[in-house]
């Protein structure tokens, strides 16, 4: 039976005042990650949420790693990662704007891109997060792991 992120989020005990921290691990090349990203705005029901931490992993399978970032050429794996990171950025922005999430003070996102150099991946990932970087509240922390 296929799981559904919307049901998973709805089943979280949002009434519990001690549910203040959610940590999620997602693979950006897996459909479940897409469901998680799309379901993030549903977290507005978690009225006590203070910290949301996401660790996202992806793998680049291009033979020439510098081509997608340095020369502007794209590949399917880079495109997929970019699409999902931009979608994550949009969903986090939606979440930050939800009035019922006014306790949310910190969003941490750590991204690991396997198969690419740290600096190559860092500039690429930085370019995917434009909305959350411009926000003053909640605090947004983007790291590479």
N, C-alpha and C. Protein backbone atom coordinates (compact mmCIF):
# COMPACT_ATOMS: atom_id res chain seq x y z
N UNK A 1 0.84 -1.19 0.00
CA UNK A 1 0.00 0.00 0.00
C UNK A 1 0.89 1.25 0.00
N UNK A 2 0.62 2.17 -0.91
CA UNK A 2 1.43 3.37 -1.04
C UNK A 2 1.12 4.36 0.08
N UNK A 3 2.17 4.94 0.64
CA UNK A 3 1.96 5.91 1.72
C UNK A 3 1.66 7.28 1.13
N UNK A 4 1.06 8.11 1.92
CA UNK A 4 0.65 9.43 1.46
C UNK A 4 1.12 10.46 2.49
N UNK A 5 1.91 11.43 2.05
CA UNK A 5 2.48 12.42 2.97
C UNK A 5 1.39 13.26 3.64
N UNK A 6 0.31 13.54 2.92
CA UNK A 6 -0.76 14.35 3.50
C UNK A 6 -1.38 13.63 4.69
N UNK A 7 -1.61 12.32 4.54
CA UNK A 7 -2.15 11.54 5.65
C UNK A 7 -1.14 11.47 6.79
N UNK A 8 0.15 11.29 6.43
CA UNK A 8 1.20 11.24 7.46
C UNK A 8 1.22 12.51 8.29
N UNK A 9 1.11 13.65 7.62
CA UNK A 9 1.14 14.94 8.31
C UNK A 9 -0.11 15.09 9.18
N UNK A 10 -1.26 14.72 8.63
CA UNK A 10 -2.50 14.84 9.39
C UNK A 10 -2.49 13.96 10.63
N UNK A 11 -1.78 12.82 10.57
CA UNK A 11 -1.74 11.90 11.69
C UNK A 11 -0.75 12.30 12.77
N UNK A 12 0.08 13.30 12.52
CA UNK A 12 0.98 13.77 13.56
C UNK A 12 0.15 14.38 14.69
N UNK A 13 0.55 14.17 15.92
CA UNK A 13 -0.24 14.67 17.05
C UNK A 13 -0.06 16.17 17.24
N UNK A 14 -0.73 16.96 16.41
CA UNK A 14 -0.56 18.41 16.44
C UNK A 14 -1.10 19.03 17.73
N UNK A 15 -1.86 18.28 18.48
CA UNK A 15 -2.40 18.79 19.74
C UNK A 15 -1.36 18.74 20.85
N UNK A 16 -0.27 18.01 20.65
CA UNK A 16 0.71 17.82 21.71
C UNK A 16 1.68 19.01 21.78
N UNK A 17 1.69 19.72 22.90
CA UNK A 17 2.55 20.91 22.99
C UNK A 17 4.04 20.60 22.97
N UNK A 18 4.42 19.32 23.18
CA UNK A 18 5.83 19.00 23.15
C UNK A 18 6.32 18.61 21.76
N UNK A 19 5.45 18.61 20.77
CA UNK A 19 5.86 18.35 19.39
C UNK A 19 6.33 19.67 18.79
N UNK A 20 7.58 20.00 19.03
CA UNK A 20 8.10 21.30 18.62
C UNK A 20 9.19 21.19 17.58
N UNK A 21 9.66 19.96 17.31
CA UNK A 21 10.81 19.77 16.44
C UNK A 21 10.54 18.60 15.50
N UNK A 22 10.65 18.84 14.21
CA UNK A 22 10.48 17.78 13.22
C UNK A 22 11.74 17.68 12.39
N UNK A 23 12.26 16.47 12.26
CA UNK A 23 13.45 16.23 11.45
C UNK A 23 13.06 15.25 10.35
N UNK A 24 13.39 15.60 9.12
CA UNK A 24 13.02 14.76 7.98
C UNK A 24 14.24 14.48 7.13
N UNK A 25 14.33 13.25 6.64
CA UNK A 25 15.40 12.84 5.72
C UNK A 25 14.74 12.48 4.39
N UNK A 26 15.13 13.15 3.33
CA UNK A 26 14.51 12.87 2.04
C UNK A 26 15.58 12.65 0.97
N UNK A 27 15.26 11.78 0.03
CA UNK A 27 16.10 11.55 -1.14
C UNK A 27 15.46 12.32 -2.29
N UNK A 28 16.22 13.24 -2.86
CA UNK A 28 15.63 14.12 -3.88
C UNK A 28 15.35 13.42 -5.20
N UNK A 29 15.88 12.21 -5.37
CA UNK A 29 15.59 11.49 -6.61
C UNK A 29 14.45 10.48 -6.44
N UNK A 30 13.73 10.59 -5.34
CA UNK A 30 12.66 9.63 -5.04
C UNK A 30 11.33 10.38 -4.97
N UNK A 31 10.26 9.74 -5.49
CA UNK A 31 8.95 10.38 -5.56
C UNK A 31 8.43 10.80 -4.19
N UNK A 32 8.80 10.08 -3.16
CA UNK A 32 8.35 10.41 -1.80
C UNK A 32 8.83 11.80 -1.39
N UNK A 33 10.01 12.18 -1.87
CA UNK A 33 10.51 13.52 -1.58
C UNK A 33 9.58 14.57 -2.16
N UNK A 34 9.09 14.32 -3.36
CA UNK A 34 8.16 15.25 -3.99
C UNK A 34 6.88 15.39 -3.16
N UNK A 35 6.39 14.27 -2.66
CA UNK A 35 5.19 14.30 -1.81
C UNK A 35 5.46 15.09 -0.53
N UNK A 36 6.65 14.88 0.04
CA UNK A 36 6.98 15.61 1.27
C UNK A 36 7.03 17.11 1.02
N UNK A 37 7.68 17.49 -0.08
CA UNK A 37 7.79 18.90 -0.43
C UNK A 37 6.41 19.51 -0.63
N UNK A 38 5.55 18.82 -1.36
CA UNK A 38 4.21 19.33 -1.61
C UNK A 38 3.36 19.36 -0.34
N UNK A 39 3.67 18.48 0.61
CA UNK A 39 2.89 18.41 1.85
C UNK A 39 3.35 19.37 2.92
N UNK A 40 4.48 20.04 2.73
CA UNK A 40 5.00 20.91 3.78
C UNK A 40 4.02 21.99 4.24
N UNK A 41 3.30 22.65 3.34
CA UNK A 41 2.35 23.66 3.84
C UNK A 41 1.29 23.09 4.77
N UNK A 42 1.04 21.79 4.71
CA UNK A 42 0.08 21.16 5.63
C UNK A 42 0.57 21.22 7.06
N UNK A 43 1.86 21.45 7.27
CA UNK A 43 2.40 21.51 8.62
C UNK A 43 1.88 22.70 9.41
N UNK A 44 1.14 23.60 8.75
CA UNK A 44 0.58 24.74 9.47
C UNK A 44 -0.35 24.29 10.59
N UNK A 45 -0.84 23.06 10.51
CA UNK A 45 -1.69 22.54 11.58
C UNK A 45 -0.91 22.26 12.85
N UNK A 46 0.42 22.18 12.72
CA UNK A 46 1.25 21.91 13.90
C UNK A 46 1.53 23.23 14.60
N UNK A 47 0.60 23.64 15.42
CA UNK A 47 0.66 24.98 15.97
C UNK A 47 1.78 25.17 16.99
N UNK A 48 2.45 24.10 17.42
CA UNK A 48 3.54 24.24 18.38
C UNK A 48 4.91 24.05 17.75
N UNK A 49 4.95 23.80 16.45
CA UNK A 49 6.22 23.54 15.77
C UNK A 49 7.16 24.74 15.90
N UNK A 50 8.37 24.49 16.37
CA UNK A 50 9.37 25.56 16.52
C UNK A 50 10.53 25.40 15.57
N UNK A 51 10.94 24.15 15.30
CA UNK A 51 12.10 23.90 14.44
C UNK A 51 11.74 22.82 13.42
N UNK A 52 12.01 23.09 12.17
CA UNK A 52 11.88 22.11 11.10
C UNK A 52 13.26 21.91 10.50
N UNK A 53 13.74 20.67 10.54
CA UNK A 53 15.06 20.36 9.99
C UNK A 53 14.91 19.32 8.89
N UNK A 54 15.47 19.61 7.73
CA UNK A 54 15.39 18.71 6.59
C UNK A 54 16.80 18.39 6.12
N UNK A 55 17.09 17.11 5.96
CA UNK A 55 18.34 16.70 5.34
C UNK A 55 17.98 16.02 4.02
N UNK A 56 18.40 16.64 2.93
CA UNK A 56 18.06 16.15 1.60
C UNK A 56 19.32 15.64 0.91
N UNK A 57 19.20 14.49 0.26
CA UNK A 57 20.33 13.92 -0.45
C UNK A 57 19.96 13.65 -1.90
N UNK A 58 20.94 13.80 -2.76
CA UNK A 58 20.73 13.51 -4.18
C UNK A 58 22.05 13.06 -4.78
N UNK A 59 21.98 12.45 -5.94
CA UNK A 59 23.19 11.99 -6.62
C UNK A 59 23.18 12.50 -8.05
N UNK A 60 24.30 13.08 -8.46
CA UNK A 60 24.45 13.55 -9.84
C UNK A 60 25.13 12.44 -10.62
N UNK A 61 24.55 12.10 -11.74
CA UNK A 61 25.06 10.97 -12.52
C UNK A 61 25.64 11.41 -13.86
N UNK A 62 26.01 12.67 -13.99
CA UNK A 62 26.58 13.15 -15.25
C UNK A 62 28.05 12.78 -15.35
N UNK A 63 28.55 12.44 -16.55
CA UNK A 63 29.96 12.10 -16.68
C UNK A 63 30.88 13.31 -16.52
N UNK A 64 30.41 14.49 -16.90
CA UNK A 64 31.21 15.71 -16.79
C UNK A 64 30.54 16.61 -15.77
N UNK A 65 31.00 16.57 -14.54
CA UNK A 65 30.32 17.24 -13.44
C UNK A 65 30.30 18.75 -13.56
N UNK A 66 31.29 19.33 -14.25
CA UNK A 66 31.32 20.79 -14.31
C UNK A 66 30.40 21.35 -15.39
N UNK A 67 29.92 20.52 -16.30
CA UNK A 67 29.08 21.02 -17.39
C UNK A 67 27.79 21.68 -16.94
N UNK A 68 26.97 21.04 -16.06
CA UNK A 68 25.69 21.66 -15.71
C UNK A 68 25.83 22.99 -14.99
N UNK A 69 26.83 23.13 -14.14
CA UNK A 69 26.94 24.34 -13.35
C UNK A 69 27.80 25.38 -14.03
N UNK A 70 28.98 24.98 -14.48
CA UNK A 70 29.94 25.94 -15.01
C UNK A 70 29.57 26.47 -16.38
N UNK A 71 29.12 25.60 -17.26
CA UNK A 71 28.88 26.06 -18.63
C UNK A 71 27.42 26.29 -18.94
N UNK A 72 26.55 26.03 -17.99
CA UNK A 72 25.14 26.31 -18.21
C UNK A 72 24.39 25.17 -18.86
N UNK A 73 25.08 24.11 -19.27
CA UNK A 73 24.37 22.97 -19.83
C UNK A 73 23.68 22.21 -18.72
N UNK A 74 22.58 21.55 -19.06
CA UNK A 74 21.84 20.84 -18.02
C UNK A 74 21.78 19.36 -18.32
N UNK A 75 21.58 18.59 -17.31
CA UNK A 75 21.38 17.16 -17.46
C UNK A 75 20.15 16.78 -16.68
N UNK A 76 19.64 15.58 -16.93
CA UNK A 76 18.41 15.19 -16.26
C UNK A 76 18.57 15.12 -14.74
N UNK A 77 19.72 14.65 -14.26
CA UNK A 77 19.86 14.56 -12.80
C UNK A 77 19.96 15.94 -12.17
N UNK A 78 20.70 16.87 -12.78
CA UNK A 78 20.77 18.24 -12.25
C UNK A 78 19.39 18.91 -12.33
N UNK A 79 18.70 18.69 -13.44
CA UNK A 79 17.37 19.30 -13.60
C UNK A 79 16.40 18.79 -12.54
N UNK A 80 16.45 17.49 -12.27
CA UNK A 80 15.56 16.91 -11.26
C UNK A 80 15.86 17.49 -9.88
N UNK A 81 17.14 17.59 -9.55
CA UNK A 81 17.52 18.15 -8.25
C UNK A 81 17.07 19.60 -8.16
N UNK A 82 17.30 20.37 -9.21
CA UNK A 82 16.91 21.79 -9.20
C UNK A 82 15.41 21.93 -9.04
N UNK A 83 14.64 21.15 -9.79
CA UNK A 83 13.18 21.22 -9.70
C UNK A 83 12.71 20.97 -8.28
N UNK A 84 13.27 19.95 -7.64
CA UNK A 84 12.81 19.60 -6.30
C UNK A 84 13.31 20.57 -5.24
N UNK A 85 14.51 21.11 -5.42
CA UNK A 85 15.00 22.11 -4.46
C UNK A 85 14.22 23.41 -4.58
N UNK A 86 13.90 23.83 -5.81
CA UNK A 86 13.09 25.03 -6.00
C UNK A 86 11.70 24.81 -5.42
N UNK A 87 11.15 23.61 -5.62
CA UNK A 87 9.85 23.30 -5.04
C UNK A 87 9.91 23.31 -3.51
N UNK A 88 11.01 22.81 -2.96
CA UNK A 88 11.20 22.84 -1.51
C UNK A 88 11.26 24.29 -1.02
N UNK A 89 11.98 25.13 -1.74
CA UNK A 89 12.07 26.55 -1.40
C UNK A 89 10.68 27.19 -1.40
N UNK A 90 9.88 26.90 -2.41
CA UNK A 90 8.53 27.46 -2.51
C UNK A 90 7.66 26.96 -1.36
N UNK A 91 7.75 25.66 -1.05
CA UNK A 91 6.93 25.10 0.03
C UNK A 91 7.31 25.66 1.39
N UNK A 92 8.62 25.84 1.60
CA UNK A 92 9.07 26.44 2.86
C UNK A 92 8.60 27.89 2.97
N UNK A 93 8.59 28.58 1.86
CA UNK A 93 8.10 29.96 1.83
C UNK A 93 6.62 29.99 2.19
N UNK A 94 5.85 29.06 1.60
CA UNK A 94 4.42 28.96 1.92
C UNK A 94 4.23 28.68 3.40
N UNK A 95 5.03 27.76 3.93
CA UNK A 95 4.93 27.41 5.34
C UNK A 95 5.25 28.61 6.23
N UNK A 96 6.28 29.36 5.87
CA UNK A 96 6.70 30.52 6.67
C UNK A 96 5.62 31.60 6.69
N UNK A 97 4.79 31.64 5.66
CA UNK A 97 3.75 32.66 5.57
C UNK A 97 2.44 32.25 6.25
N UNK A 98 2.34 30.99 6.69
CA UNK A 98 1.11 30.51 7.33
C UNK A 98 0.99 31.12 8.72
N UNK A 99 -0.10 31.77 8.96
CA UNK A 99 -0.27 32.44 10.26
C UNK A 99 -0.34 31.46 11.41
N UNK A 100 -0.81 30.24 11.17
CA UNK A 100 -0.92 29.26 12.25
C UNK A 100 0.45 28.70 12.63
N UNK A 101 1.49 29.02 11.87
CA UNK A 101 2.83 28.53 12.16
C UNK A 101 3.68 29.62 12.79
N UNK A 102 3.07 30.52 13.54
CA UNK A 102 3.82 31.65 14.08
C UNK A 102 4.82 31.26 15.17
N UNK A 103 4.78 30.00 15.64
CA UNK A 103 5.80 29.55 16.59
C UNK A 103 7.05 29.06 15.88
N UNK A 104 6.97 28.83 14.58
CA UNK A 104 8.10 28.30 13.82
C UNK A 104 9.20 29.36 13.76
N UNK A 105 10.30 29.10 14.47
CA UNK A 105 11.36 30.09 14.55
C UNK A 105 12.58 29.75 13.73
N UNK A 106 12.74 28.47 13.36
CA UNK A 106 13.95 28.08 12.65
C UNK A 106 13.66 26.97 11.65
N UNK A 107 14.15 27.15 10.43
CA UNK A 107 14.10 26.12 9.40
C UNK A 107 15.53 25.84 8.98
N UNK A 108 15.95 24.57 9.14
CA UNK A 108 17.30 24.18 8.75
C UNK A 108 17.20 23.21 7.58
N UNK A 109 17.94 23.48 6.54
CA UNK A 109 17.99 22.58 5.39
C UNK A 109 19.46 22.24 5.12
N UNK A 110 19.77 20.96 5.13
CA UNK A 110 21.11 20.50 4.80
C UNK A 110 21.01 19.64 3.55
N UNK A 111 21.80 19.96 2.55
CA UNK A 111 21.74 19.25 1.27
C UNK A 111 23.08 18.58 0.99
N UNK A 112 23.02 17.33 0.58
CA UNK A 112 24.22 16.62 0.15
C UNK A 112 24.02 16.17 -1.28
N UNK A 113 24.93 16.56 -2.16
CA UNK A 113 24.88 16.16 -3.56
C UNK A 113 26.07 15.25 -3.82
N UNK A 114 25.80 13.97 -3.96
CA UNK A 114 26.86 13.00 -4.22
C UNK A 114 27.22 13.04 -5.70
N UNK A 115 28.51 12.92 -5.98
CA UNK A 115 28.95 12.90 -7.37
C UNK A 115 29.31 14.27 -7.91
N UNK A 116 29.41 15.26 -7.03
CA UNK A 116 29.79 16.61 -7.44
C UNK A 116 30.72 17.18 -6.38
N UNK A 117 31.56 18.11 -6.79
CA UNK A 117 32.45 18.75 -5.82
C UNK A 117 31.64 19.63 -4.88
N UNK A 118 32.19 19.88 -3.70
CA UNK A 118 31.51 20.70 -2.70
C UNK A 118 31.17 22.07 -3.26
N UNK A 119 32.13 22.75 -3.88
CA UNK A 119 31.91 24.12 -4.35
C UNK A 119 30.94 24.17 -5.52
N UNK A 120 31.02 23.17 -6.37
CA UNK A 120 30.07 23.09 -7.48
C UNK A 120 28.65 22.91 -6.97
N UNK A 121 28.49 21.97 -6.04
CA UNK A 121 27.17 21.71 -5.49
C UNK A 121 26.66 22.89 -4.67
N UNK A 122 27.56 23.54 -3.92
CA UNK A 122 27.14 24.66 -3.08
C UNK A 122 26.56 25.80 -3.91
N UNK A 123 27.25 26.19 -4.98
CA UNK A 123 26.73 27.29 -5.80
C UNK A 123 25.42 26.90 -6.47
N UNK A 124 25.31 25.64 -6.87
CA UNK A 124 24.09 25.15 -7.50
C UNK A 124 22.92 25.17 -6.51
N UNK A 125 23.15 24.62 -5.31
CA UNK A 125 22.09 24.57 -4.29
C UNK A 125 21.70 25.98 -3.85
N UNK A 126 22.69 26.85 -3.66
CA UNK A 126 22.40 28.25 -3.30
C UNK A 126 21.48 28.91 -4.31
N UNK A 127 21.68 28.60 -5.59
CA UNK A 127 20.87 29.22 -6.64
C UNK A 127 19.42 28.73 -6.63
N UNK A 128 19.17 27.61 -5.97
CA UNK A 128 17.81 27.06 -5.92
C UNK A 128 16.96 27.68 -4.82
N UNK A 129 17.62 28.26 -3.82
CA UNK A 129 16.90 28.85 -2.68
C UNK A 129 16.95 30.37 -2.79
N UNK A 130 15.90 30.95 -3.34
CA UNK A 130 15.84 32.40 -3.48
C UNK A 130 14.81 33.01 -2.55
N UNK A 131 13.69 32.32 -2.35
CA UNK A 131 12.61 32.86 -1.51
C UNK A 131 12.98 32.86 -0.03
N UNK A 132 13.48 31.71 0.44
CA UNK A 132 13.78 31.60 1.87
C UNK A 132 14.96 32.45 2.28
N UNK A 133 15.90 32.69 1.37
CA UNK A 133 17.05 33.54 1.71
C UNK A 133 16.63 34.97 1.97
N UNK A 134 15.57 35.41 1.32
CA UNK A 134 15.14 36.80 1.47
C UNK A 134 14.23 37.01 2.68
N UNK A 135 13.88 35.93 3.37
CA UNK A 135 13.00 36.02 4.54
C UNK A 135 13.78 36.44 5.78
N UNK A 136 13.14 37.25 6.61
CA UNK A 136 13.76 37.61 7.88
C UNK A 136 13.26 36.71 9.01
N UNK A 137 12.07 36.13 8.87
CA UNK A 137 11.53 35.27 9.90
C UNK A 137 10.71 34.17 9.23
N UNK A 138 10.85 32.92 9.59
CA UNK A 138 11.76 32.38 10.59
C UNK A 138 13.20 32.33 10.09
N UNK A 139 14.12 32.06 11.00
CA UNK A 139 15.52 31.96 10.63
C UNK A 139 15.71 30.78 9.70
N UNK A 140 16.36 31.01 8.56
CA UNK A 140 16.60 29.96 7.57
C UNK A 140 18.09 29.68 7.51
N UNK A 141 18.45 28.42 7.70
CA UNK A 141 19.86 28.01 7.67
C UNK A 141 20.01 26.95 6.59
N UNK A 142 20.83 27.25 5.59
CA UNK A 142 21.10 26.33 4.50
C UNK A 142 22.55 25.88 4.58
N UNK A 143 22.76 24.58 4.67
CA UNK A 143 24.10 24.01 4.78
C UNK A 143 24.32 22.94 3.74
N UNK A 144 25.57 22.69 3.43
CA UNK A 144 25.95 21.55 2.59
C UNK A 144 26.58 20.52 3.52
N UNK A 145 26.24 19.26 3.32
CA UNK A 145 26.85 18.18 4.12
C UNK A 145 27.54 17.21 3.21
